[in-house]
Amino acid sequence: MEFTEAFKQTGPCCFSPNARYLAVAVDYRLVIRDVLSLKVVHLFSCLDKISYVEWALDSEYILCGLYKRPMIQAWSLTQPEWTCKIDEGPAGIAYARWSPDSRHILTTSEFQLRLTVWSLVNTACVHVQWPKHASKGVSFTKDGKFAAICTRRDCKDYINLLSCHSWEVMGVFAIDTLDLADIEWSPDDSAIVIWDSPLDYKVLIYSPDGRCLFKYQAYESGLGVKSVAWSPCGQFLAVGSYDQMLRILNHLTWKIFAEFMHLSSVRAPCSAAIFKEVDEPLQLDMSGLRLSDEFIQGNSENAPEGHFRVRYKIMELPTMLPSQKPPVDKPNPKQGIGLLSWSKDSQYLFTRNDSMPTVLWIWDIRHLELAAILVQKEPIRAAAWDPSCPRLVLCTGSSHVYMWSPSGAYCVSIPLPLFTVTDLKWNSDGSCLLLKDREMFCCAALPMLPESSEDSSDE
């Protein structure tokens, strides 16, 4: 791995969809850097501190959310003199997002009073009353032609289908939820998955014309769904629940074909490798040097503490994984599958059970088995798959990044002083990895993985 020097940041940082630019918020300024050289190519000054940044899909425009104002400012990379400012007045702005055509901005007002579609072409706007959520409850088809927007009125949840060309309402239908949590179109745009709030376990599959294709409820009388994710191929739907179970549905019959448990004890038979992060003290072998006894004794007494290297140790079975029991008298318990993501090829899936915050589980869907377990010293802050190959990178707020691939797992030390990785993001082509510290960021270039995907384990 090759690392760049550290640069300042005070907020959001994100790569452009075309993988050419990196947008960095530095207080009131939006800095656009070239990904290859990290040289500044554009510098935009906003009216307040930047809270949120999002690129348009064509990478020509970028919006900044100034939620303290509240206000939205948009900028153009091809026309730096062009500016756009959106202010909802007393209604405020709770969230903003781009439409798939990169020529409209959707804003949600405070208290979910309305969702407004703003055109950058003719300054027209369209309103949708009573959106269910600010940042959630809106999903676009992969071809960018339609939008599904959740609304709520008269204590009932509805799905509004809008054309992304004219922004006319194509259809509205009620859905069988108690308190809708979120929705997402399937990768092939043939169905919409809807899941209810944690108080009612319910996963619903609807067709775009409003027909309920399938209703799934794993259990009653308990906290329900915590995370949902389509596989990139569109054939599988993963559902993580508060009961610490991962369930996989297939797209043909919408039936469960795999259930994976996250137990604190791992016993045989288990073919998965368990990698545990350990500290290994650095010991210098001075037996071949001709040094006096006084010199060796004096240096050993005055040697600085904390000189060690971090590596993965392969654990033997049976083994106990570190876990914590959430308090029963507090809301939003830290348990259940809170982190869930598919690899690009849809073969692997990683999960984190929030009652085991230092443990990452990696599942092989092709063989329906556990592929590996990563046990860290500190809670896992972020994890992300390489967009180009089945390689996983995670961080824990330490001065290391941790990687896993089917060939093994390894730790990489960041060669920057006092740099601790609190978040990370991949460039869309997998050529660059963004690592964020609290006030700085750097980029890392990773070598491509070999074509062979034989299962083995390296330290």
Protein backbone atom coordinates (compact mmCIF):
# COMPACT_ATOMS: atom_id res chain seq x y z
CA MET A 1 0.00 0.00 0.00
CA GLU A 2 1.12 3.51 -0.79
CA PHE A 3 -0.09 6.46 1.29
CA THR A 4 -0.28 10.16 0.51
CA GLU A 5 0.46 12.93 2.96
CA ALA A 6 -2.33 14.15 5.25
CA PHE A 7 -4.63 17.04 4.31
CA LYS A 8 -7.07 19.05 6.42
CA GLN A 9 -10.81 18.34 6.51
CA THR A 10 -13.59 19.38 8.87
CA GLY A 11 -16.56 17.47 7.53
CA PRO A 12 -17.78 15.31 4.66
CA CYS A 13 -15.36 13.90 2.09
CA CYS A 14 -16.48 11.92 -0.95
CA PHE A 15 -15.27 10.74 -4.34
CA SER A 16 -17.08 11.73 -7.52
CA PRO A 17 -19.01 8.94 -9.30
CA ASN A 18 -16.63 9.11 -12.28
CA ALA A 19 -13.71 8.46 -9.89
CA ARG A 20 -11.80 11.56 -11.07
CA TYR A 21 -12.37 14.01 -8.20
CA LEU A 22 -12.41 14.14 -4.41
CA ALA A 23 -14.62 16.69 -2.64
CA VAL A 24 -13.49 17.80 0.83
CA ALA A 25 -15.31 20.14 3.22
CA VAL A 26 -13.01 22.52 5.11
CA ASP A 27 -15.22 24.76 7.27
CA TYR A 28 -16.98 27.12 4.79
CA ARG A 29 -14.99 25.97 1.79
CA LEU A 30 -15.55 23.09 -0.60
CA VAL A 31 -12.23 21.86 -1.97
CA ILE A 32 -12.25 19.76 -5.16
CA ARG A 33 -9.06 17.75 -5.66
CA ASP A 34 -7.82 15.61 -8.52
CA VAL A 35 -7.75 11.98 -7.35
CA LEU A 36 -4.43 11.11 -9.00
CA SER A 37 -2.38 14.12 -7.89
CA LEU A 38 -4.58 15.45 -5.05
CA LYS A 39 -3.99 18.93 -6.44
CA VAL A 40 -6.77 21.49 -5.90
CA VAL A 41 -8.71 21.96 -9.16
CA HIS A 42 -11.68 23.97 -7.77
CA LEU A 43 -12.37 25.93 -4.61
CA PHE A 44 -15.91 27.04 -3.72
CA SER A 45 -16.87 29.25 -0.76
CA CYS A 46 -20.19 28.57 0.94
CA LEU A 47 -22.20 30.87 3.21
CA ASP A 48 -21.87 28.66 6.29
CA LYS A 49 -20.13 25.53 7.57
CA ILE A 50 -20.73 22.55 5.30
CA SER A 51 -22.71 19.74 6.94
CA TYR A 52 -23.35 17.49 3.96
CA VAL A 53 -21.88 16.93 0.48
CA GLU A 54 -23.27 14.90 -2.41
CA TRP A 55 -22.15 14.55 -6.02
CA ALA A 56 -24.57 14.44 -8.93
CA LEU A 57 -24.38 11.14 -10.82
CA ASP A 58 -22.78 12.80 -13.86
CA SER A 59 -20.03 14.28 -11.61
CA GLU A 60 -20.66 17.71 -13.15
CA TYR A 61 -22.54 19.20 -10.20
CA ILE A 62 -22.14 18.95 -6.44
CA LEU A 63 -24.39 20.15 -3.63
CA CYS A 64 -23.52 21.29 -0.12
CA GLY A 65 -25.98 21.12 2.75
CA LEU A 66 -25.68 24.08 5.13
CA TYR A 67 -28.11 22.73 7.68
CA LYS A 68 -27.36 25.41 10.28
CA ARG A 69 -28.82 28.11 7.99
CA PRO A 70 -30.68 25.96 6.71
CA MET A 71 -29.77 26.19 3.03
CA ILE A 72 -28.49 24.24 0.02
CA GLN A 73 -25.79 25.49 -2.32
CA ALA A 74 -24.89 23.74 -5.58
CA TRP A 75 -21.83 24.20 -7.78
CA SER A 76 -20.78 23.23 -11.29
CA LEU A 77 -17.32 21.93 -12.17
CA THR A 78 -17.67 22.73 -15.86
CA GLN A 79 -19.05 26.23 -15.22
CA PRO A 80 -17.35 27.51 -12.03
CA GLU A 81 -19.16 30.86 -12.30
CA TRP A 82 -22.57 29.13 -12.13
CA THR A 83 -24.16 29.10 -8.67
CA CYS A 84 -27.37 27.81 -7.13
CA LYS A 85 -28.90 28.49 -3.72
CA ILE A 86 -32.02 26.80 -2.31
CA ASP A 87 -33.73 28.22 0.75
CA GLU A 88 -37.08 26.86 1.99
CA GLY A 89 -37.59 29.78 4.34
CA PRO A 90 -39.39 29.02 7.64
CA ALA A 91 -39.99 25.40 6.56
CA GLY A 92 -36.26 24.74 6.74
CA ILE A 93 -34.30 21.93 5.09
CA ALA A 94 -33.64 18.65 6.87
CA TYR A 95 -32.07 16.77 3.96
CA ALA A 96 -31.18 17.10 0.27
CA ARG A 97 -30.34 14.63 -2.50
CA TRP A 98 -29.78 14.54 -6.25
CA SER A 99 -32.15 12.99 -8.75
CA PRO A 100 -30.69 10.39 -11.15
CA ASP A 101 -30.69 12.86 -14.07
CA SER A 102 -28.34 15.22 -12.14
CA ARG A 103 -30.56 18.18 -13.03
CA HIS A 104 -32.97 18.13 -10.06
CA ILE A 105 -32.45 18.43 -6.31
CA LEU A 106 -34.91 16.91 -3.83
CA THR A 107 -35.16 18.62 -0.43
CA THR A 108 -37.15 17.55 2.62
CA SER A 109 -38.37 20.27 4.97
CA GLU A 110 -38.16 20.19 8.73
CA PHE A 111 -40.86 18.13 10.48
CA GLN A 112 -41.43 16.32 7.14
CA LEU A 113 -44.00 18.87 5.98
CA ARG A 114 -43.16 18.45 2.31
CA LEU A 115 -40.63 17.15 -0.18
CA THR A 116 -39.73 19.57 -2.97
CA VAL A 117 -38.20 18.76 -6.36
CA TRP A 118 -36.17 21.72 -7.63
CA SER A 119 -35.21 21.91 -11.31
CA LEU A 120 -31.82 23.36 -12.27
CA VAL A 121 -32.98 23.71 -15.88
CA ASN A 122 -36.11 25.88 -15.69
CA THR A 123 -36.34 26.77 -11.94
CA ALA A 124 -39.65 24.88 -11.66
CA CYS A 125 -40.51 22.98 -8.47
CA VAL A 126 -42.86 20.15 -7.55
CA HIS A 127 -44.14 19.44 -4.02
CA VAL A 128 -44.99 16.10 -2.39
CA GLN A 129 -46.88 16.55 0.88
CA TRP A 130 -46.08 14.69 4.12
CA PRO A 131 -42.93 12.67 3.31
CA LYS A 132 -42.43 9.92 5.87
CA HIS A 133 -38.75 10.55 6.60
CA ALA A 134 -36.13 13.20 5.94
CA SER A 135 -33.14 11.15 4.76
CA LYS A 136 -34.86 7.79 4.24
CA GLY A 137 -38.03 6.67 2.48
CA VAL A 138 -36.94 7.73 -1.05
CA SER A 139 -35.57 5.29 -3.63
CA PHE A 140 -34.85 5.56 -7.35
CA THR A 141 -34.88 2.83 -9.96
CA LYS A 142 -31.46 1.84 -11.29
CA ASP A 143 -32.38 3.14 -14.76
CA GLY A 144 -33.26 6.51 -13.19
CA LYS A 145 -36.77 6.66 -14.66
CA PHE A 146 -38.91 6.41 -11.51
CA ALA A 147 -38.84 7.42 -7.86
CA ALA A 148 -40.66 5.77 -4.94
CA ILE A 149 -41.41 8.26 -2.16
CA CYS A 150 -42.96 7.24 1.16
CA THR A 151 -45.61 9.50 2.64
CA ARG A 152 -47.87 9.25 5.67
CA ARG A 153 -51.32 10.69 6.19
CA ASP A 154 -54.27 9.71 8.37
CA CYS A 155 -52.02 7.31 10.31
CA LYS A 156 -51.34 5.27 7.16
CA ASP A 157 -48.18 4.75 5.08
CA TYR A 158 -48.27 5.20 1.29
CA ILE A 159 -45.90 4.74 -1.64
CA ASN A 160 -45.96 7.47 -4.29
CA LEU A 161 -44.48 6.54 -7.68
CA LEU A 162 -43.22 9.55 -9.64
CA SER A 163 -41.75 9.86 -13.11
CA CYS A 164 -38.23 11.33 -12.92
CA HIS A 165 -38.80 12.92 -16.34
CA SER A 166 -41.94 14.97 -15.69
CA TRP A 167 -42.18 14.46 -11.90
CA GLU A 168 -45.84 13.57 -12.29
CA VAL A 169 -47.40 11.10 -9.87
CA MET A 170 -47.79 7.79 -11.71
CA GLY A 171 -49.52 5.98 -8.87
CA VAL A 172 -50.18 5.92 -5.13
CA PHE A 173 -50.91 2.84 -3.03
CA ALA A 174 -51.23 2.12 0.69
CA ILE A 175 -48.91 -0.43 2.29
CA ASP A 176 -49.42 -2.82 5.17
CA THR A 177 -47.00 -1.30 7.69
CA LEU A 178 -47.41 -0.05 11.22
CA ASP A 179 -44.61 2.53 10.98
CA LEU A 180 -42.54 2.23 7.79
CA ALA A 181 -38.77 2.35 8.33
CA ASP A 182 -37.40 2.47 4.76
CA ILE A 183 -37.76 1.21 1.18
CA GLU A 184 -35.44 0.20 -1.65
CA TRP A 185 -35.91 -0.79 -5.28
CA SER A 186 -34.48 -4.15 -6.34
CA PRO A 187 -31.39 -3.93 -8.61
CA ASP A 188 -33.49 -5.07 -11.61
CA ASP A 189 -36.26 -2.52 -10.84
CA SER A 190 -38.90 -5.26 -10.70
CA ALA A 191 -39.85 -4.97 -7.01
CA ILE A 192 -39.70 -2.71 -3.97
CA VAL A 193 -38.72 -4.00 -0.55
CA ILE A 194 -40.33 -2.27 2.44
CA TRP A 195 -39.58 -2.95 6.08
CA ASP A 196 -41.37 -1.84 9.21
CA SER A 197 -40.09 -0.20 12.37
CA PRO A 198 -38.26 -2.35 14.95
CA LEU A 199 -41.48 -2.62 16.97
CA ASP A 200 -43.13 -4.82 14.33
CA TYR A 201 -41.18 -7.46 12.40
CA LYS A 202 -42.38 -7.14 8.83
CA VAL A 203 -40.63 -7.28 5.43
CA LEU A 204 -42.89 -6.62 2.43
CA ILE A 205 -42.16 -7.10 -1.27
CA TYR A 206 -44.34 -4.96 -3.56
CA SER A 207 -44.55 -4.76 -7.33
CA PRO A 208 -44.48 -1.25 -8.88
CA ASP A 209 -48.22 -1.50 -9.58
CA GLY A 210 -49.02 -1.86 -5.86
CA ARG A 211 -49.46 -5.64 -5.55
CA CYS A 212 -47.98 -7.25 -2.42
CA LEU A 213 -45.82 -10.09 -3.74
CA PHE A 214 -44.67 -11.44 -0.41
CA LYS A 215 -44.92 -10.73 3.29
CA TYR A 216 -42.30 -12.09 5.67
CA GLN A 217 -42.43 -12.13 9.46
CA ALA A 218 -39.80 -14.19 11.25
CA TYR A 219 -41.31 -13.83 14.71
CA GLU A 220 -43.66 -11.76 16.85
CA SER A 221 -43.42 -10.04 20.23
CA GLY A 222 -39.85 -8.81 19.87
CA LEU A 223 -37.74 -6.13 18.24
CA GLY A 224 -37.70 -6.81 14.50
CA VAL A 225 -35.72 -5.74 11.43
CA LYS A 226 -32.53 -3.71 11.90
CA SER A 227 -30.85 -3.78 8.45
CA VAL A 228 -31.76 -4.79 4.90
CA ALA A 229 -29.60 -5.03 1.75
CA TRP A 230 -30.09 -6.29 -1.80
CA SER A 231 -27.23 -8.24 -3.35
CA PRO A 232 -25.75 -6.41 -6.38
CA CYS A 233 -26.91 -9.23 -8.66
CA GLY A 234 -30.49 -8.77 -7.42
CA GLN A 235 -31.00 -12.46 -6.65
CA PHE A 236 -30.73 -12.24 -2.85
CA LEU A 237 -32.18 -10.05 -0.13
CA ALA A 238 -30.38 -10.02 3.23
CA VAL A 239 -32.34 -9.16 6.37
CA GLY A 240 -30.56 -8.53 9.67
CA SER A 241 -32.67 -8.63 12.83
CA TYR A 242 -32.50 -7.77 16.51
CA ASP A 243 -32.52 -11.50 17.34
CA GLN A 244 -28.89 -11.59 16.09
CA MET A 245 -29.86 -13.61 13.01
CA LEU A 246 -29.13 -12.98 9.33
CA ARG A 247 -31.73 -14.30 6.91
CA ILE A 248 -31.36 -14.51 3.12
CA LEU A 249 -34.36 -14.54 0.75
CA ASN A 250 -34.24 -15.52 -2.93
CA HIS A 251 -35.88 -13.35 -5.61
CA LEU A 252 -37.81 -16.16 -7.32
CA THR A 253 -40.06 -17.41 -4.52
CA TRP A 254 -39.15 -14.82 -1.85
CA LYS A 255 -38.55 -17.70 0.57
CA ILE A 256 -35.79 -17.91 3.17
CA PHE A 257 -33.01 -20.22 1.96
CA ALA A 258 -30.32 -19.45 4.55
CA GLU A 259 -30.20 -18.39 8.20
CA PHE A 260 -26.95 -17.47 9.90
CA MET A 261 -26.56 -17.15 13.67
CA HIS A 262 -24.05 -14.90 15.45
CA LEU A 263 -23.11 -16.84 18.57
CA SER A 264 -20.50 -15.78 21.13
CA SER A 265 -18.95 -19.26 21.09
CA VAL A 266 -17.53 -20.82 17.94
CA ARG A 267 -17.09 -24.57 18.01
CA ALA A 268 -16.20 -27.36 15.61
CA PRO A 269 -17.16 -28.23 12.98
CA CYS A 270 -16.34 -24.82 11.56
CA SER A 271 -14.13 -24.36 8.50
CA ALA A 272 -13.88 -20.57 8.89
CA ALA A 273 -10.61 -18.96 9.91
CA ILE A 274 -10.84 -16.77 13.02
CA PHE A 275 -8.39 -13.87 12.88
CA LYS A 276 -7.70 -12.07 16.15
CA GLU A 277 -5.83 -8.75 16.31
CA VAL A 278 -2.89 -9.01 18.72
CA ASP A 279 0.06 -6.83 19.72
CA GLU A 280 3.46 -8.36 19.20
CA PRO A 281 6.38 -6.63 21.00
CA LEU A 282 9.34 -5.75 18.83
CA GLN A 283 12.42 -7.53 20.14
CA LEU A 284 15.84 -6.71 18.74
CA ASP A 285 18.23 -9.62 18.54
CA MET A 286 21.60 -8.17 19.59
CA SER A 287 23.32 -11.51 20.12
CA GLY A 288 25.46 -10.98 17.04
CA LEU A 289 26.72 -7.57 18.19
CA ARG A 290 29.80 -7.07 20.34
CA LEU A 291 28.38 -4.83 23.05
CA SER A 292 29.37 -4.48 26.68
CA ASP A 293 27.05 -5.80 29.37
CA GLU A 294 26.69 -2.28 30.82
CA PHE A 295 25.51 -0.93 27.45
CA ILE A 296 22.94 -3.68 26.97
CA GLN A 297 21.62 -3.37 30.54
CA GLY A 298 21.44 0.43 30.37
CA ASN A 299 19.57 0.44 27.07
CA SER A 300 17.12 -2.24 28.16
CA GLU A 301 16.22 -0.22 31.25
CA ASN A 302 15.74 3.03 29.29
CA ALA A 303 14.02 1.49 26.27
CA PRO A 304 10.80 3.26 25.38
CA GLU A 305 7.60 1.35 25.97
CA GLY A 306 4.93 0.67 23.38
CA HIS A 307 7.17 -0.52 20.52
CA PHE A 308 5.14 -3.31 18.97
CA ARG A 309 3.59 -4.39 15.73
CA VAL A 310 0.00 -5.36 15.18
CA ARG A 311 -0.85 -8.57 13.40
CA TYR A 312 -3.58 -11.18 13.10
CA LYS A 313 -3.34 -14.45 15.01
CA ILE A 314 -5.36 -17.44 13.85
CA MET A 315 -7.42 -18.77 16.75
CA GLU A 316 -8.06 -22.41 17.47
CA LEU A 317 -11.48 -23.91 18.14
CA PRO A 318 -13.38 -23.76 20.37
CA THR A 319 -13.14 -20.06 21.13
CA MET A 320 -15.26 -17.41 22.82
CA LEU A 321 -15.89 -14.09 21.09
CA PRO A 322 -16.03 -10.87 23.14
CA SER A 323 -19.64 -9.79 23.64
CA GLN A 324 -21.63 -7.47 25.87
CA LYS A 325 -25.18 -7.73 27.14
CA PRO A 326 -27.23 -4.58 26.50
CA PRO A 327 -29.09 -3.08 29.47
CA VAL A 328 -32.76 -4.01 29.52
CA ASP A 329 -33.92 -0.64 30.90
CA LYS A 330 -32.57 1.55 28.04
CA PRO A 331 -34.03 2.14 24.56
CA ASN A 332 -32.32 1.26 21.27
CA PRO A 333 -30.33 -1.70 22.63
CA LYS A 334 -26.94 -2.35 21.06
CA GLN A 335 -27.73 -5.77 19.70
CA GLY A 336 -28.73 -7.26 16.39
CA ILE A 337 -27.26 -6.95 12.90
CA GLY A 338 -26.44 -3.25 12.64
CA LEU A 339 -23.86 -3.46 9.84
CA LEU A 340 -24.55 -5.40 6.64
CA SER A 341 -22.98 -5.21 3.17
CA TRP A 342 -22.51 -7.38 0.06
CA SER A 343 -19.36 -7.78 -1.99
CA LYS A 344 -19.48 -6.60 -5.60
CA ASP A 345 -19.75 -10.16 -6.97
CA SER A 346 -22.56 -11.04 -4.50
CA GLN A 347 -20.57 -14.02 -3.20
CA TYR A 348 -19.61 -12.60 0.18
CA LEU A 349 -21.49 -10.70 2.84
CA PHE A 350 -20.17 -9.12 6.03
CA THR A 351 -22.18 -8.46 9.18
CA ARG A 352 -21.61 -6.98 12.61
CA ASN A 353 -23.73 -8.00 15.56
CA ASP A 354 -23.92 -4.84 17.67
CA SER A 355 -23.65 -6.80 20.92
CA MET A 356 -20.21 -7.89 19.62
CA PRO A 357 -18.93 -4.53 18.32
CA THR A 358 -15.34 -5.74 17.85
CA VAL A 359 -16.26 -8.77 15.69
CA LEU A 360 -16.89 -8.83 11.94
CA TRP A 361 -18.47 -11.91 10.37
CA ILE A 362 -17.86 -12.76 6.71
CA TRP A 363 -20.27 -15.19 5.04
CA ASP A 364 -19.82 -17.14 1.80
CA ILE A 365 -23.22 -17.19 0.11
CA ARG A 366 -22.10 -19.48 -2.71
CA HIS A 367 -21.27 -22.24 -0.23
CA LEU A 368 -23.75 -21.08 2.46
CA GLU A 369 -21.13 -21.10 5.18
CA LEU A 370 -19.08 -18.84 7.41
CA ALA A 371 -15.92 -17.77 5.55
CA ALA A 372 -14.05 -15.88 8.28
CA ILE A 373 -14.33 -13.98 11.56
CA LEU A 374 -12.25 -10.90 12.33
CA VAL A 375 -11.83 -10.09 16.03
CA GLN A 376 -10.52 -6.58 16.67
CA LYS A 377 -9.23 -4.94 19.84
CA GLU A 378 -11.52 -1.93 19.45
CA PRO A 379 -15.11 -1.54 18.15
CA ILE A 380 -15.39 -1.51 14.37
CA ARG A 381 -16.04 2.04 13.12
CA ALA A 382 -16.52 1.38 9.40
CA ALA A 383 -16.07 -1.39 6.85
CA ALA A 384 -16.38 -1.38 3.06
CA TRP A 385 -15.91 -3.76 0.14
CA ASP A 386 -13.54 -3.00 -2.70
CA PRO A 387 -15.76 -2.14 -5.73
CA SER A 388 -13.48 -4.08 -8.06
CA CYS A 389 -12.82 -7.35 -6.22
CA PRO A 390 -13.83 -9.34 -3.11
CA ARG A 391 -11.58 -7.43 -0.71
CA LEU A 392 -12.76 -5.92 2.56
CA VAL A 393 -11.21 -3.00 4.46
CA LEU A 394 -12.20 -1.91 7.97
CA CYS A 395 -11.09 0.55 10.64
CA THR A 396 -11.45 0.77 14.41
CA GLY A 397 -10.21 4.26 15.25
CA SER A 398 -6.59 3.06 15.54
CA SER A 399 -3.51 3.87 13.47
CA HIS A 400 -4.07 0.76 11.35
CA VAL A 401 -6.38 -0.44 8.61
CA TYR A 402 -7.40 -4.07 8.42
CA MET A 403 -8.04 -6.09 5.28
CA TRP A 404 -9.55 -9.41 4.37
CA SER A 405 -9.74 -11.29 1.09
CA PRO A 406 -10.38 -14.97 0.33
CA SER A 407 -6.60 -15.51 0.55
CA GLY A 408 -6.32 -14.22 4.13
CA ALA A 409 -6.30 -11.20 6.46
CA TYR A 410 -3.64 -8.67 7.36
CA CYS A 411 -3.03 -5.40 9.22
CA VAL A 412 -1.48 -2.30 7.68
CA SER A 413 0.08 0.49 9.73
CA ILE A 414 -0.56 4.09 8.66
CA PRO A 415 2.84 5.81 8.21
CA LEU A 416 1.55 9.19 9.41
CA PRO A 417 2.13 10.52 12.93
CA LEU A 418 -0.91 10.67 15.22
CA PHE A 419 -3.25 9.59 12.40
CA THR A 420 -6.14 7.41 13.58
CA VAL A 421 -8.64 6.08 11.03
CA THR A 422 -12.23 6.84 12.03
CA ASP A 423 -13.87 6.37 8.61
CA LEU A 424 -13.02 5.11 5.14
CA LYS A 425 -14.44 5.18 1.61
CA TRP A 426 -13.54 3.53 -1.68
CA ASN A 427 -13.26 5.27 -5.01
CA SER A 428 -15.86 3.85 -7.42
CA ASP A 429 -13.22 2.07 -9.52
CA GLY A 430 -11.37 0.62 -6.52
CA SER A 431 -8.15 2.48 -7.37
CA CYS A 432 -8.04 4.63 -4.24
CA LEU A 433 -9.07 4.42 -0.60
CA LEU A 434 -9.94 7.52 1.45
CA LEU A 435 -8.97 7.37 5.14
CA LYS A 436 -10.36 9.97 7.54
CA ASP A 437 -8.93 11.13 10.83
CA ARG A 438 -10.83 13.52 13.10
CA GLU A 439 -9.34 16.59 11.38
CA MET A 440 -7.24 15.17 8.55
CA PHE A 441 -7.51 12.73 5.66
CA CYS A 442 -5.16 10.80 3.41
CA CYS A 443 -5.51 8.49 0.44
CA ALA A 444 -4.06 5.04 -0.13
CA ALA A 445 -3.45 3.08 -3.31
CA LEU A 446 -3.85 -0.68 -3.08
CA PRO A 447 -2.41 -3.33 -5.39
CA MET A 448 -4.87 -5.38 -7.39
CA LEU A 449 -5.72 -8.81 -6.05
CA PRO A 450 -4.49 -11.81 -8.05
CA GLU A 451 -7.08 -13.58 -10.16
CA SER A 452 -6.90 -16.75 -8.11
CA SER A 453 -9.57 -17.00 -5.39
CA GLU A 454 -8.34 -20.14 -3.63
CA ASP A 455 -9.28 -20.16 0.03
CA SER A 456 -6.18 -19.90 2.23
CA SER A 457 -5.08 -17.92 5.26
CA ASP A 458 -2.15 -15.55 5.67
CA GLU A 459 -1.14 -13.41 8.58
